[in-house]
Amino acid sequence: MMATNGNKSLMRCLGEFVGHIVHAVKSDSTTTKEVNRTVEQKMEGSRTLRRTTIDEIEIRQEDTKSD
């Protein structure tokens, strides 16, 4: 719905602002790939101690937009 006049209401401006922020947070410019996962486990009676180590590679894409 478009307003007939060029003036936007305060609530409309706030909604657009929040929409831009949410869009920026949701857009992920990094790619993560798991390369190794190691699990160490030790059982002592009724207890289990477990350590998981995850090795990842994170590739960040450079921002090509310039304002």
C-alpha atoms as a PDB file:
ATOM      1  CA  MET A   1       0.000   0.000   0.000  1.00  0.00           C
ATOM      2  CA  MET A   2       1.418   3.324  -1.019  1.00  0.00           C
ATOM      3  CA  ALA A   3       0.433   6.612   0.538  1.00  0.00           C
ATOM      4  CA  THR A   4      -0.931   9.151  -1.914  1.00  0.00           C
ATOM      5  CA  ASN A   5       1.231  11.961  -0.553  1.00  0.00           C
ATOM      6  CA  GLY A   6       5.048  11.853  -0.309  1.00  0.00           C
ATOM      7  CA  ASN A   7       5.133  12.078   3.491  1.00  0.00           C
ATOM      8  CA  LYS A   8       5.639   8.828   5.356  1.00  0.00           C
ATOM      9  CA  SER A   9       4.308   8.376   8.850  1.00  0.00           C
ATOM     10  CA  LEU A  10       6.684   7.885  11.753  1.00  0.00           C
ATOM     11  CA  MET A  11       5.574   4.266  12.190  1.00  0.00           C
ATOM     12  CA  ARG A  12       6.206   3.577   8.492  1.00  0.00           C
ATOM     13  CA  CYS A  13       9.728   5.009   8.761  1.00  0.00           C
ATOM     14  CA  LEU A  14      10.428   2.983  11.911  1.00  0.00           C
ATOM     15  CA  GLY A  15       9.167  -0.181  10.214  1.00  0.00           C
ATOM     16  CA  GLU A  16      11.418   0.381   7.217  1.00  0.00           C
ATOM     17  CA  PHE A  17      14.369   1.058   9.526  1.00  0.00           C
ATOM     18  CA  VAL A  18      13.814  -2.166  11.486  1.00  0.00           C
ATOM     19  CA  GLY A  19      13.360  -4.055   8.200  1.00  0.00           C
ATOM     20  CA  HIS A  20      16.743  -2.834   6.941  1.00  0.00           C
ATOM     21  CA  ILE A  21      18.428  -3.854  10.205  1.00  0.00           C
ATOM     22  CA  VAL A  22      16.807  -7.322  10.173  1.00  0.00           C
ATOM     23  CA  HIS A  23      17.806  -7.821   6.531  1.00  0.00           C
ATOM     24  CA  ALA A  24      21.424  -6.859   7.298  1.00  0.00           C
ATOM     25  CA  VAL A  25      21.597  -9.243  10.259  1.00  0.00           C
ATOM     26  CA  LYS A  26      20.084 -12.138   8.312  1.00  0.00           C
ATOM     27  CA  SER A  27      22.370 -11.782   5.286  1.00  0.00           C
ATOM     28  CA  ASP A  28      25.377 -13.933   5.999  1.00  0.00           C
ATOM     29  CA  SER A  29      28.540 -13.015   4.132  1.00  0.00           C
ATOM     30  CA  THR A  30      30.602 -15.842   5.600  1.00  0.00           C
ATOM     31  CA  THR A  31      30.836 -19.464   4.592  1.00  0.00           C
ATOM     32  CA  THR A  32      31.808 -22.018   7.242  1.00  0.00           C
ATOM     33  CA  LYS A  33      32.996 -25.509   6.442  1.00  0.00           C
ATOM     34  CA  GLU A  34      33.715 -28.169   9.035  1.00  0.00           C
ATOM     35  CA  VAL A  35      36.990 -29.949   8.244  1.00  0.00           C
ATOM     36  CA  ASN A  36      37.510 -32.158  11.302  1.00  0.00           C
ATOM     37  CA  ARG A  37      35.554 -33.378  14.326  1.00  0.00           C
ATOM     38  CA  THR A  38      37.205 -35.259  17.199  1.00  0.00           C
ATOM     39  CA  VAL A  39      35.263 -36.852  20.052  1.00  0.00           C
ATOM     40  CA  GLU A  40      36.985 -38.070  23.204  1.00  0.00           C
ATOM     41  CA  GLN A  41      34.846 -40.078  25.611  1.00  0.00           C
ATOM     42  CA  LYS A  42      35.597 -41.534  29.042  1.00  0.00           C
ATOM     43  CA  MET A  43      33.121 -43.553  31.092  1.00  0.00           C
ATOM     44  CA  GLU A  44      33.447 -43.645  34.876  1.00  0.00           C
ATOM     45  CA  GLY A  45      30.719 -45.758  36.438  1.00  0.00           C
ATOM     46  CA  SER A  46      27.399 -44.074  35.678  1.00  0.00           C
ATOM     47  CA  ARG A  47      29.098 -40.910  34.362  1.00  0.00           C
ATOM     48  CA  THR A  48      30.256 -40.186  30.860  1.00  0.00           C
ATOM     49  CA  LEU A  49      32.782 -37.439  30.184  1.00  0.00           C
ATOM     50  CA  ARG A  50      32.828 -36.298  26.579  1.00  0.00           C
ATOM     51  CA  ARG A  51      34.908 -33.662  24.786  1.00  0.00           C
ATOM     52  CA  THR A  52      34.112 -32.674  21.209  1.00  0.00           C
ATOM     53  CA  THR A  53      36.555 -30.586  19.192  1.00  0.00           C
ATOM     54  CA  ILE A  54      35.387 -29.103  15.890  1.00  0.00           C
ATOM     55  CA  ASP A  55      37.842 -27.594  13.397  1.00  0.00           C
ATOM     56  CA  GLU A  56      36.240 -25.200  10.917  1.00  0.00           C
ATOM     57  CA  ILE A  57      37.307 -22.973   8.062  1.00  0.00           C
ATOM     58  CA  GLU A  58      35.507 -19.636   7.784  1.00  0.00           C
ATOM     59  CA  ILE A  59      35.634 -17.773   4.467  1.00  0.00           C
ATOM     60  CA  ARG A  60      34.474 -14.170   4.527  1.00  0.00           C
ATOM     61  CA  GLN A  61      33.338 -12.538   1.331  1.00  0.00           C
ATOM     62  CA  GLU A  62      34.457  -8.959   0.850  1.00  0.00           C
ATOM     63  CA  ASP A  63      31.776  -6.309   0.602  1.00  0.00           C
ATOM     64  CA  THR A  64      31.740  -5.021  -2.984  1.00  0.00           C
ATOM     65  CA  LYS A  65      29.173  -2.278  -2.289  1.00  0.00           C
ATOM     66  CA  SER A  66      30.480   1.208  -1.652  1.00  0.00           C
ATOM     67  CA  ASP A  67      28.176   3.942  -0.398  1.00  0.00           C
END
